[in-house]
Amino acid sequence: MTNPRQLAFIALRDIHKGAYADVALDRVLQKVNLADNDRRLVTELVYGSVRRQRTLDTLIDQLAKKKSHQQPQDLRTILHLGFYQLRYQQRIPASAAVNTTVQLAKENGFSGLTGFVNGLLRQYLRKAGEAGEENTSSSLHTDPLQLPENPVERLGILHSFPDWIIQVWLEQLGLTETEQLCEWMNQSPTIDLRINPLRTSIEEVEAALQSVGVLVRRIPHLPQALRFIGNTGSIQKLPGFREGWWTVQDSSAQLVGHLLDPQPGEVVIDACAAPGGKTTHIAELMADKGKIWACDRTPSRLRKLQENSQRLNLQSIQIFTGDSRHFNQFQNTADRVLLDAPCSGLGTMHRHADARWRQTPESVRELSVLQKELLTHTSTFVKPGGVLVYATCTLHPAENEEVISAFLAESPDWQIESPSGIELPDSAQITPQGWFKVWPHRQDMDGFFMVRLRKTNNSE
């Protein structure tokens, strides 16, 4: 079976039963041998339908007699695919979107409802003032989606986020920037790589990629970073990957390593290390001289770290399995500690299509408790005068500013240290408090929070 829409339907059905979006998509794609453009279509339809779920459900609510949650789950999934193509896929003619969705209904147990599916999608097109061939992106058309006045609900429905996430952003950014952030989070993610200066140079990697027709551009202030432009094909097949010349890592995550600023010969502990992007960066920045303890409680993710460090030919990393909250053997041993804390991932939702639906205010509260416990305990690993960097890829104050403020209030021997010596992107700002927040719509990279803390010499 090589019908991209049927494959997308199968993946979406798994996701609605609880599978992670990337796992369900991967499972479907591994079973078939598709042309590149068909693979891209399946990926776009799956991630797009998951991402835009709230908007698509609202369209069903407004156009059908039965609300989306009252529809049979598989039929709701088929309608999502149809509406997603009509609303967001400019390259797919409206007639093709309607006909293929009707066909999907017929082939998946809803042959008695093909008239309903056809009628609902055509009703959308009529309301949009469509002739039936064009798509609804043009500003000349009216939008069939009716939006409420309330700004939280309006943005939540239009950009497909839960109200509570919109609320968290509105409180920090205001209306205009929250809308910009929503739009950014609904784009397809870019892919950045980090060159390994122990094996190659940025010029050599640029030339090798150019030789196979893959375009990259440099990222200001990040000496090891390149961003892919356009399609790359399979990443693992690109020149230099197998040889350990480079690894995939978003530019925001690369900033964390520079903020830690590890030096050759030091002892560094990466307290939540897997899958190892930041651990291997630390090793590169230390010229692979010194000792890095890479701790994590998930053996399968640590295997990924081991594979990466072997591919990059790094010797200084030692793996330690377990929960960093329970290690006592590292007390006062580290020059530097990185705590890249488990978090809600609200800064990387463009990469994880289903993250916005998996997290809740309750899960954020639970994570903030875990983050505080980790910070309190891993801070004991640091020698007097040493450094700890706390980092997350979330944009929720409960997991960032509030965690740091609570820690500092209880830890008089710790203080925030301004990140001197690290060049930050032009639009990046260190706040008056001394922490650093990457807002994706401003800096065009994953959302991150990071702060450098120093243990004063008079601490015991």
Protein backbone atom coordinates (compact mmCIF):
# COMPACT_ATOMS: atom_id res chain seq x y z
CA MET A 1 0.00 0.00 0.00
CA THR A 2 1.48 3.30 -1.11
CA ASN A 3 -1.43 5.74 -0.91
CA PRO A 4 -0.03 8.67 1.17
CA ARG A 5 -3.44 9.66 2.55
CA GLN A 6 -4.27 6.13 3.67
CA LEU A 7 -0.85 5.89 5.35
CA ALA A 8 -1.48 9.23 7.07
CA PHE A 9 -4.88 7.96 8.24
CA ILE A 10 -3.30 4.81 9.75
CA ALA A 11 -0.66 6.87 11.61
CA LEU A 12 -3.29 9.33 12.89
CA ARG A 13 -5.49 6.48 14.09
CA ASP A 14 -2.54 5.21 16.20
CA ILE A 15 -1.88 8.71 17.55
CA HIS A 16 -5.51 9.09 18.63
CA LYS A 17 -5.11 5.82 20.53
CA GLY A 18 -2.17 7.31 22.45
CA ALA A 19 0.95 6.71 20.29
CA TYR A 20 3.52 9.52 19.99
CA ALA A 21 3.20 11.28 16.64
CA ASP A 22 6.81 10.70 15.53
CA VAL A 23 6.71 7.02 16.56
CA ALA A 24 3.40 6.36 14.75
CA LEU A 25 4.62 8.12 11.60
CA ASP A 26 7.94 6.26 11.65
CA ARG A 27 6.17 2.92 12.06
CA VAL A 28 4.02 3.56 8.99
CA LEU A 29 6.87 4.86 6.80
CA GLN A 30 9.20 1.98 7.64
CA LYS A 31 6.76 -0.56 6.19
CA VAL A 32 6.62 1.01 2.73
CA ASN A 33 9.01 2.19 0.08
CA LEU A 34 7.74 5.64 -0.91
CA ALA A 35 9.10 8.27 -3.26
CA ASP A 36 10.50 11.31 -1.41
CA ASN A 37 7.59 13.59 -2.32
CA ASP A 38 5.06 11.01 -1.07
CA ARG A 39 6.99 10.63 2.20
CA ARG A 40 6.90 14.39 2.60
CA LEU A 41 3.14 14.43 1.95
CA VAL A 42 2.46 11.72 4.56
CA THR A 43 4.64 13.58 7.09
CA GLU A 44 2.94 16.91 6.38
CA LEU A 45 -0.57 15.43 6.63
CA VAL A 46 0.17 13.61 9.91
CA TYR A 47 2.01 16.39 11.72
CA GLY A 48 -0.27 19.07 10.29
CA SER A 49 -3.50 17.30 11.29
CA VAL A 50 -2.18 16.72 14.83
CA ARG A 51 -0.90 20.28 15.16
CA ARG A 52 -4.11 21.87 13.85
CA GLN A 53 -6.45 19.49 15.69
CA ARG A 54 -8.34 22.17 17.63
CA THR A 55 -9.00 24.29 14.53
CA LEU A 56 -10.12 21.24 12.54
CA ASP A 57 -12.43 20.09 15.34
CA THR A 58 -13.94 23.58 15.51
CA LEU A 59 -14.68 23.47 11.77
CA ILE A 60 -16.54 20.16 12.26
CA ASP A 61 -18.38 21.66 15.27
CA GLN A 62 -19.48 24.68 13.22
CA LEU A 63 -20.37 22.94 9.94
CA ALA A 64 -21.80 19.54 10.95
CA LYS A 65 -24.96 18.78 12.94
CA LYS A 66 -22.98 16.54 15.31
CA LYS A 67 -20.00 18.00 17.20
CA SER A 68 -16.53 16.60 16.46
CA HIS A 69 -16.39 14.60 19.73
CA GLN A 70 -19.69 12.91 18.81
CA GLN A 71 -18.39 11.70 15.43
CA PRO A 72 -16.94 8.16 15.18
CA GLN A 73 -13.21 8.58 15.90
CA ASP A 74 -12.04 7.24 12.52
CA LEU A 75 -14.49 9.47 10.65
CA ARG A 76 -13.31 12.47 12.64
CA THR A 77 -9.73 11.60 11.60
CA ILE A 78 -10.76 11.41 7.92
CA LEU A 79 -12.50 14.80 8.19
CA HIS A 80 -9.37 16.26 9.81
CA LEU A 81 -7.35 15.12 6.77
CA GLY A 82 -9.86 16.68 4.36
CA PHE A 83 -10.14 20.01 6.16
CA TYR A 84 -6.37 20.17 6.72
CA GLN A 85 -5.74 19.92 2.98
CA LEU A 86 -8.42 22.49 2.11
CA ARG A 87 -7.31 24.99 4.70
CA TYR A 88 -3.52 24.63 4.88
CA GLN A 89 -2.24 22.88 1.75
CA GLN A 90 -1.98 25.48 -0.97
CA ARG A 91 -0.49 23.06 -3.49
CA ILE A 92 -3.33 20.53 -3.35
CA PRO A 93 -6.31 21.51 -5.56
CA ALA A 94 -9.58 21.69 -3.59
CA SER A 95 -11.24 19.09 -5.84
CA ALA A 96 -8.40 16.61 -5.19
CA ALA A 97 -8.64 17.21 -1.43
CA VAL A 98 -12.41 16.56 -1.45
CA ASN A 99 -12.31 13.51 -3.75
CA THR A 100 -9.45 11.76 -1.93
CA THR A 101 -11.15 12.32 1.44
CA VAL A 102 -14.43 10.85 0.14
CA GLN A 103 -12.39 7.87 -1.15
CA LEU A 104 -10.77 7.45 2.29
CA ALA A 105 -14.22 7.32 3.90
CA LYS A 106 -15.33 4.68 1.39
CA GLU A 107 -12.25 2.51 1.98
CA ASN A 108 -12.31 2.68 5.77
CA GLY A 109 -15.81 1.55 6.65
CA PHE A 110 -17.84 4.70 6.00
CA SER A 111 -19.18 4.09 2.49
CA GLY A 112 -22.67 5.00 3.77
CA LEU A 113 -21.37 8.43 4.85
CA THR A 114 -19.50 9.49 1.70
CA GLY A 115 -22.32 11.94 0.86
CA PHE A 116 -21.96 13.51 4.32
CA VAL A 117 -18.15 13.84 3.93
CA ASN A 118 -18.48 15.31 0.42
CA GLY A 119 -21.23 17.72 1.54
CA LEU A 120 -19.34 18.93 4.62
CA LEU A 121 -16.12 19.69 2.72
CA ARG A 122 -18.02 21.40 -0.11
CA GLN A 123 -19.96 23.46 2.43
CA TYR A 124 -16.58 24.70 3.71
CA LEU A 125 -15.57 25.66 0.16
CA ARG A 126 -18.88 27.45 -0.47
CA LYS A 127 -18.54 29.46 2.73
CA ALA A 128 -15.00 30.37 1.68
CA GLY A 129 -16.37 31.67 -1.63
CA GLU A 130 -14.54 28.98 -3.54
CA ALA A 131 -14.97 28.00 -7.15
CA GLY A 132 -13.81 24.57 -6.02
CA GLU A 133 -10.38 24.59 -7.62
CA GLU A 134 -8.46 27.21 -5.69
CA ASN A 135 -7.40 27.08 -2.05
CA THR A 136 -8.57 29.26 0.78
CA SER A 137 -5.33 31.05 1.56
CA SER A 138 -6.15 34.18 -0.43
CA SER A 139 -7.27 37.21 1.54
CA LEU A 140 -10.05 37.75 -1.05
CA HIS A 141 -11.94 34.82 0.46
CA THR A 142 -14.00 34.87 3.62
CA ASP A 143 -12.94 32.50 6.38
CA PRO A 144 -15.59 29.85 7.15
CA LEU A 145 -14.08 29.54 10.66
CA GLN A 146 -16.03 31.68 13.13
CA LEU A 147 -13.90 33.01 15.97
CA PRO A 148 -14.99 34.20 19.42
CA GLU A 149 -14.18 37.70 20.74
CA ASN A 150 -12.25 36.47 23.79
CA PRO A 151 -8.54 36.79 22.80
CA VAL A 152 -7.44 33.59 24.58
CA GLU A 153 -10.07 31.43 22.86
CA ARG A 154 -9.70 33.28 19.57
CA LEU A 155 -5.94 32.63 19.37
CA GLY A 156 -6.40 29.09 20.72
CA ILE A 157 -8.92 28.16 18.02
CA LEU A 158 -7.24 30.03 15.16
CA HIS A 159 -3.72 28.70 15.83
CA SER A 160 -4.77 25.44 17.51
CA PHE A 161 -3.37 25.59 21.04
CA PRO A 162 -5.01 24.83 24.39
CA ASP A 163 -6.23 28.00 26.15
CA TRP A 164 -3.84 27.54 29.08
CA ILE A 165 -0.74 27.75 26.83
CA ILE A 166 -2.07 30.89 25.14
CA GLN A 167 -2.68 32.37 28.60
CA VAL A 168 0.91 31.65 29.73
CA TRP A 169 2.29 33.42 26.65
CA LEU A 170 -0.12 36.36 26.76
CA GLU A 171 0.96 37.14 30.32
CA GLN A 172 4.60 37.32 29.22
CA LEU A 173 4.37 38.75 25.69
CA GLY A 174 1.04 40.51 25.10
CA LEU A 175 -1.29 39.93 22.17
CA THR A 176 0.80 40.81 19.10
CA GLU A 177 3.85 38.77 20.04
CA THR A 178 1.77 35.82 21.27
CA GLU A 179 0.21 35.64 17.82
CA GLN A 180 3.67 35.78 16.21
CA LEU A 181 4.86 32.98 18.50
CA CYS A 182 1.80 30.83 17.64
CA GLU A 183 2.49 31.30 13.92
CA TRP A 184 6.16 30.39 14.41
CA MET A 185 5.27 27.23 16.35
CA ASN A 186 3.03 26.04 13.48
CA GLN A 187 5.80 26.20 10.87
CA SER A 188 7.75 23.13 9.81
CA PRO A 189 10.95 23.03 11.89
CA THR A 190 14.36 23.81 10.46
CA ILE A 191 17.31 21.46 11.05
CA ASP A 192 20.60 22.77 12.43
CA LEU A 193 23.85 20.92 12.73
CA ARG A 194 26.92 21.38 14.90
CA ILE A 195 30.28 20.67 13.36
CA ASN A 196 32.85 18.72 15.36
CA PRO A 197 35.97 20.95 15.41
CA LEU A 198 38.09 18.01 16.62
CA ARG A 199 37.55 16.26 13.28
CA THR A 200 36.89 18.99 10.70
CA SER A 201 36.23 22.68 10.03
CA ILE A 202 33.03 24.54 9.19
CA GLU A 203 34.41 25.28 5.70
CA GLU A 204 35.10 21.60 5.04
CA VAL A 205 31.54 20.62 6.05
CA GLU A 206 30.05 23.40 3.90
CA ALA A 207 32.05 22.21 0.89
CA ALA A 208 31.17 18.53 1.43
CA LEU A 209 27.44 19.29 1.65
CA GLN A 210 27.59 21.64 -1.33
CA SER A 211 29.20 18.86 -3.39
CA VAL A 212 25.96 16.83 -3.06
CA GLY A 213 23.71 19.84 -3.69
CA VAL A 214 22.69 20.45 -0.05
CA LEU A 215 22.60 24.11 0.96
CA VAL A 216 23.42 25.42 4.42
CA ARG A 217 23.90 28.82 6.00
CA ARG A 218 25.90 29.89 9.04
CA ILE A 219 24.25 31.16 12.22
CA PRO A 220 25.69 34.37 13.72
CA HIS A 221 27.51 34.02 17.08
CA LEU A 222 27.53 30.22 16.96
CA PRO A 223 30.93 29.13 15.63
CA GLN A 224 29.95 25.47 15.06
CA ALA A 225 26.41 25.94 13.70
CA LEU A 226 25.00 25.48 10.19
CA ARG A 227 21.33 25.48 9.19
CA PHE A 228 20.02 23.37 6.33
CA ILE A 229 18.12 25.24 3.64
CA GLY A 230 15.53 23.19 1.74
CA ASN A 231 15.32 19.41 1.55
CA THR A 232 18.21 17.25 2.71
CA GLY A 233 16.98 13.70 2.09
CA SER A 234 18.15 11.18 4.68
CA ILE A 235 20.39 12.97 7.20
CA GLN A 236 22.47 9.85 7.94
CA LYS A 237 23.45 9.53 4.27
CA LEU A 238 24.90 13.05 4.01
CA PRO A 239 28.70 13.41 3.72
CA GLY A 240 30.52 13.66 7.04
CA PHE A 241 27.78 12.13 9.20
CA ARG A 242 29.28 8.64 9.47
CA GLU A 243 32.77 10.10 9.80
CA GLY A 244 31.69 12.10 12.89
CA TRP A 245 32.24 15.52 11.33
CA TRP A 246 28.93 16.84 12.61
CA THR A 247 25.78 16.08 14.56
CA VAL A 248 22.24 17.46 14.48
CA GLN A 249 21.58 20.03 17.22
CA ASP A 250 19.37 23.12 17.29
CA SER A 251 21.18 26.43 17.68
CA SER A 252 19.45 27.20 21.01
CA ALA A 253 20.80 23.97 22.47
CA GLN A 254 24.28 24.94 21.22
CA LEU A 255 24.05 28.19 23.21
CA VAL A 256 23.77 26.13 26.40
CA GLY A 257 27.22 24.58 25.91
CA HIS A 258 28.79 27.99 25.35
CA LEU A 259 27.08 29.36 28.47
CA LEU A 260 28.55 26.48 30.51
CA ASP A 261 31.97 27.32 28.97
CA PRO A 262 33.78 24.09 29.99
CA GLN A 263 37.58 24.12 29.90
CA PRO A 264 40.06 21.34 28.97
CA GLY A 265 41.01 19.18 31.95
CA GLU A 266 37.94 19.96 34.05
CA VAL A 267 35.47 17.55 35.65
CA VAL A 268 31.98 18.21 34.26
CA ILE A 269 28.73 16.47 35.21
CA ASP A 270 25.81 16.46 32.78
CA ALA A 271 23.01 15.52 35.19
CA CYS A 272 20.24 14.72 32.64
CA ALA A 273 22.41 13.87 29.68
CA ALA A 274 20.49 11.63 27.26
CA PRO A 275 20.25 11.60 24.27
CA GLY A 276 23.55 13.46 24.49
CA GLY A 277 23.55 16.47 22.16
CA LYS A 278 24.81 18.80 24.88
CA THR A 279 27.14 16.18 26.41
CA THR A 280 29.02 15.71 23.15
CA HIS A 281 29.15 19.49 22.67
CA ILE A 282 30.76 19.86 26.11
CA ALA A 283 33.39 17.26 25.10
CA GLU A 284 34.14 19.18 21.88
CA LEU A 285 34.44 22.49 23.77
CA MET A 286 36.89 20.83 26.22
CA ALA A 287 38.94 19.51 23.28
CA ASP A 288 37.98 16.02 24.63
CA LYS A 289 40.40 16.58 27.57
CA GLY A 290 39.09 16.07 31.09
CA LYS A 291 36.21 13.97 32.41
CA ILE A 292 32.49 14.24 31.69
CA TRP A 293 30.06 12.19 33.74
CA ALA A 294 26.92 11.72 31.64
CA CYS A 295 24.06 10.75 33.96
CA ASP A 296 20.56 9.70 33.00
CA ARG A 297 17.96 7.29 34.30
CA THR A 298 16.86 5.96 30.87
CA PRO A 299 19.22 3.24 29.56
CA SER A 300 17.73 3.25 26.03
CA ARG A 301 18.36 7.01 25.66
CA LEU A 302 21.87 6.58 27.08
CA ARG A 303 22.61 4.05 24.32
CA LYS A 304 21.91 6.85 21.82
CA LEU A 305 24.43 9.01 23.68
CA GLN A 306 27.01 6.22 23.51
CA GLU A 307 26.46 5.76 19.76
CA ASN A 308 26.84 9.50 19.17
CA SER A 309 30.01 9.86 21.21
CA GLN A 310 31.54 6.86 19.40
CA ARG A 311 30.59 8.29 16.00
CA LEU A 312 32.11 11.66 16.96
CA ASN A 313 35.18 9.78 18.31
CA LEU A 314 35.01 11.34 21.80
CA GLN A 315 36.88 9.66 24.69
CA SER A 316 36.16 11.91 27.70
CA ILE A 317 32.53 10.89 28.32
CA GLN A 318 31.72 8.30 31.01
CA ILE A 319 28.16 7.06 31.26
CA PHE A 320 26.39 6.75 34.59
CA THR A 321 22.88 5.25 34.74
CA GLY A 322 20.47 6.41 37.43
CA ASP A 323 18.49 9.31 38.85
CA SER A 324 20.72 12.33 39.59
CA ARG A 325 18.56 13.17 42.63
CA HIS A 326 19.95 10.07 44.38
CA PHE A 327 23.69 10.30 43.63
CA ASN A 328 25.84 11.15 46.64
CA GLN A 329 29.25 10.14 45.26
CA PHE A 330 29.62 13.37 43.24
CA GLN A 331 29.52 15.80 46.17
CA ASN A 332 31.94 18.72 45.66
CA THR A 333 33.65 16.97 42.72
CA ALA A 334 32.66 18.97 39.64
CA ASP A 335 34.11 22.17 38.20
CA ARG A 336 30.90 22.57 36.23
CA VAL A 337 27.46 20.95 36.21
CA LEU A 338 24.88 21.13 33.46
CA LEU A 339 21.30 20.55 34.54
CA ASP A 340 19.32 20.37 31.31
CA ALA A 341 16.15 19.63 33.25
CA PRO A 342 13.21 17.49 32.08
CA CYS A 343 10.49 19.98 31.12
CA SER A 344 7.18 20.46 29.31
CA GLY A 345 8.96 21.31 26.04
CA LEU A 346 6.75 24.33 25.28
CA GLY A 347 9.70 25.88 23.41
CA THR A 348 9.96 23.00 20.94
CA MET A 349 6.32 22.30 20.08
CA HIS A 350 6.99 22.91 16.37
CA ARG A 351 9.19 19.77 16.47
CA HIS A 352 6.76 17.66 18.52
CA ALA A 353 3.36 17.95 16.89
CA ASP A 354 1.45 16.37 19.78
CA ALA A 355 3.26 18.05 22.71
CA ARG A 356 0.66 20.82 23.00
CA TRP A 357 -2.06 18.23 23.65
CA ARG A 358 -0.01 16.03 25.99
CA GLN A 359 1.03 18.68 28.51
CA THR A 360 -1.40 20.15 31.05
CA PRO A 361 -1.14 22.71 33.87
CA GLU A 362 -0.95 19.69 36.24
CA SER A 363 1.98 18.11 34.37
CA VAL A 364 3.80 21.46 34.46
CA ARG A 365 3.30 21.63 38.24
CA GLU A 366 4.69 18.10 38.65
CA LEU A 367 7.68 18.95 36.46
CA SER A 368 8.48 22.08 38.45
CA VAL A 369 8.67 19.97 41.64
CA LEU A 370 11.06 17.55 39.90
CA GLN A 371 13.15 20.47 38.56
CA LYS A 372 13.52 21.98 42.05
CA GLU A 373 14.57 18.61 43.50
CA LEU A 374 17.13 18.09 40.74
CA LEU A 375 18.57 21.60 41.13
CA THR A 376 18.83 21.35 44.93
CA HIS A 377 20.65 18.02 44.74
CA THR A 378 22.89 18.51 41.69
CA SER A 379 24.09 21.86 43.09
CA THR A 380 25.89 19.79 45.77
CA PHE A 381 28.01 18.24 42.98
CA VAL A 382 29.73 21.59 42.35
CA LYS A 383 33.03 22.51 44.01
CA PRO A 384 33.19 25.88 45.79
CA GLY A 385 33.80 28.50 43.10
CA GLY A 386 32.34 26.20 40.43
CA VAL A 387 29.51 26.78 37.94
CA LEU A 388 26.07 25.26 37.38
CA VAL A 389 24.01 25.99 34.25
CA TYR A 390 20.27 25.37 34.50
CA ALA A 391 18.53 25.04 31.13
CA THR A 392 15.10 24.02 29.81
CA CYS A 393 13.42 24.03 26.42
CA THR A 394 10.20 25.43 27.83
CA LEU A 395 8.75 28.96 28.04
CA HIS A 396 6.74 28.49 31.24
CA PRO A 397 7.82 30.67 34.22
CA ALA A 398 6.83 27.90 36.68
CA GLU A 399 9.62 25.74 35.22
CA ASN A 400 12.14 28.53 34.75
CA GLU A 401 12.18 31.81 36.65
CA GLU A 402 10.21 30.42 39.61
CA VAL A 403 12.52 27.38 39.96
CA ILE A 404 15.62 29.59 40.01
CA SER A 405 14.11 32.18 42.37
CA ALA A 406 13.04 29.46 44.82
CA PHE A 407 16.52 27.87 44.70
CA LEU A 408 18.35 31.18 45.27
CA ALA A 409 16.05 32.05 48.16
CA GLU A 410 17.15 28.84 49.93
CA SER A 411 20.82 28.86 48.83
CA PRO A 412 22.75 31.90 50.06
CA ASP A 413 26.02 30.44 48.73
CA TRP A 414 24.81 30.64 45.11
CA GLN A 415 24.41 33.63 42.81
CA ILE A 416 23.52 34.32 39.19
CA GLU A 417 26.54 35.10 37.05
CA SER A 418 26.12 37.23 33.97
CA PRO A 419 27.23 35.26 30.90
CA SER A 420 30.33 37.23 29.98
CA GLY A 421 32.38 35.89 27.12
CA ILE A 422 29.41 34.37 25.33
CA GLU A 423 28.25 36.11 22.20
CA LEU A 424 24.48 35.98 21.94
CA PRO A 425 22.32 36.45 18.84
CA ASP A 426 21.58 40.12 18.13
CA SER A 427 17.99 40.04 19.31
CA ALA A 428 18.72 37.91 22.38
CA GLN A 429 18.48 39.62 25.69
CA ILE A 430 19.78 38.79 29.10
CA THR A 431 17.13 39.95 31.54
CA PRO A 432 17.97 42.32 34.41
CA GLN A 433 17.88 39.27 36.70
CA GLY A 434 20.68 37.70 34.62
CA TRP A 435 18.86 34.81 32.99
CA PHE A 436 18.51 34.36 29.29
CA LYS A 437 15.38 33.43 27.39
CA VAL A 438 15.25 32.54 23.72
CA TRP A 439 11.88 33.52 22.20
CA PRO A 440 11.52 31.57 18.93
CA HIS A 441 9.64 34.29 16.99
CA ARG A 442 12.41 36.78 17.83
CA GLN A 443 15.52 34.63 17.43
CA ASP A 444 14.24 32.02 14.93
CA MET A 445 15.41 29.07 17.02
CA ASP A 446 13.88 26.73 19.62
CA GLY A 447 12.48 28.34 22.75
CA PHE A 448 14.92 28.00 25.68
CA PHE A 449 15.62 29.31 29.16
CA MET A 450 19.13 29.23 30.59
CA VAL A 451 20.99 30.72 33.53
CA ARG A 452 24.53 30.42 34.84
CA LEU A 453 24.93 30.11 38.60
CA ARG A 454 28.18 30.27 40.57
CA LYS A 455 28.87 28.71 43.96
CA THR A 456 30.66 31.28 46.09
CA ASN A 457 34.01 30.35 47.60
CA ASN A 458 32.81 30.62 51.17
CA SER A 459 30.35 27.74 50.75
CA GLU A 460 31.07 24.58 52.66
